[in-house]
Protein backbone atom coordinates (compact mmCIF):
# COMPACT_ATOMS: atom_id res chain seq x y z
CA MET A 1 6.63 11.31 -3.65
CA GLY A 2 8.81 11.10 -6.77
CA LEU A 3 9.50 7.39 -6.38
CA PHE A 4 5.85 6.72 -5.54
CA ASN A 5 4.60 8.52 -8.68
CA SER A 6 7.26 6.84 -10.80
CA MET A 7 6.13 3.42 -9.61
CA LEU A 8 2.50 4.26 -10.33
CA ASN A 9 3.35 5.43 -13.85
CA THR A 10 5.19 2.16 -14.45
CA ALA A 11 2.20 0.26 -13.08
CA ALA A 12 -0.07 1.93 -15.64
CA GLY A 13 1.43 -0.27 -18.36
CA MET A 14 1.21 -3.49 -16.35
CA SER A 15 -1.25 -6.29 -17.02
CA ASN A 16 -3.95 -6.89 -14.44
CA ALA A 17 -2.18 -10.02 -13.22
CA ALA A 18 1.10 -8.15 -12.87
CA ARG A 19 -0.63 -5.30 -11.02
CA GLN A 20 -2.24 -7.77 -8.61
CA GLN A 21 1.07 -9.57 -8.03
CA ARG A 22 2.86 -6.27 -7.35
CA ALA A 23 0.07 -5.22 -4.98
CA ILE A 24 0.49 -8.46 -3.06
CA GLN A 25 4.25 -7.91 -2.83
CA LEU A 26 3.86 -4.32 -1.61
CA ASN A 27 1.24 -5.33 0.93
CA GLN A 28 3.52 -8.07 2.24
CA MET A 29 6.44 -5.64 2.49
CA GLY A 30 4.23 -3.31 4.52
CA VAL A 31 3.08 -6.13 6.79
CA GLU A 32 6.70 -7.09 7.45
CA LEU A 33 7.61 -3.49 8.28
CA VAL A 34 4.76 -3.12 10.77
CA GLN A 35 6.89 -4.92 13.32
CA SER A 36 9.33 -1.99 13.19
CA PHE A 37 6.53 0.46 14.12
CA ARG A 38 7.50 2.72 11.18
CA TYR A 39 3.87 3.34 10.30
CA GLU A 40 4.41 6.32 7.99
CA GLU A 41 6.71 4.22 5.82
CA VAL A 42 4.40 1.22 6.07
CA LEU A 43 1.45 3.36 4.99
CA GLN A 44 3.21 4.23 1.73
CA TYR A 45 3.52 0.54 0.84
CA PHE A 46 -0.16 -0.05 1.59
CA LEU A 47 -1.28 3.03 -0.35
CA GLU A 48 0.77 1.99 -3.37
CA ALA A 49 -0.68 -1.53 -3.15
CA HIS A 50 -4.16 0.00 -2.95
CA GLU A 51 -3.55 1.98 -6.15
CA LEU A 52 -2.72 -1.28 -7.92
CA ALA A 53 -5.53 -3.35 -6.39
CA PRO A 54 -8.21 -0.94 -5.11
CA ASN A 55 -10.74 -3.69 -4.42
CA ASP A 56 -8.52 -5.87 -2.24
CA PRO A 57 -10.12 -5.88 1.22
CA ARG A 58 -6.90 -6.97 2.96
CA ILE A 59 -5.08 -3.91 1.68
CA LYS A 60 -7.94 -1.63 2.71
CA GLN A 61 -7.92 -3.17 6.18
CA ASN A 62 -4.16 -2.70 6.47
CA ILE A 63 -4.51 0.96 5.49
CA ASP A 64 -7.22 1.44 8.12
CA LEU A 65 -5.07 -0.21 10.79
CA CYS A 66 -2.11 1.92 9.83
CA TYR A 67 -4.16 5.13 10.04
CA GLN A 68 -5.40 4.00 13.45
CA ALA A 69 -1.82 3.46 14.59
CA LEU A 70 -0.95 6.94 13.34
CA LYS A 71 -4.09 8.38 14.98
CA MET A 72 -5.23 9.53 11.51
CA ILE A 73 -8.39 7.44 11.10
CA ASP A 74 -10.34 10.40 9.69
CA GLU A 75 -7.97 10.50 6.72
CA TYR A 76 -9.29 7.36 5.08
């Protein structure tokens, strides 16, 4: 989680527009990785995107789908 926390700390100083843009990028990276069925890795991208844009319904939906794929739906 070191890299994850480091990225969040960096994000704390970002403008809202920059945070939203980074969230979109992370979400897209996760979507692209879904095809590899590496859901635990994919989930980290979605969770990081959610930290940056907590009100984005697409990101929330992607997290839910990822938890379903991991059989962890009660986690979210």
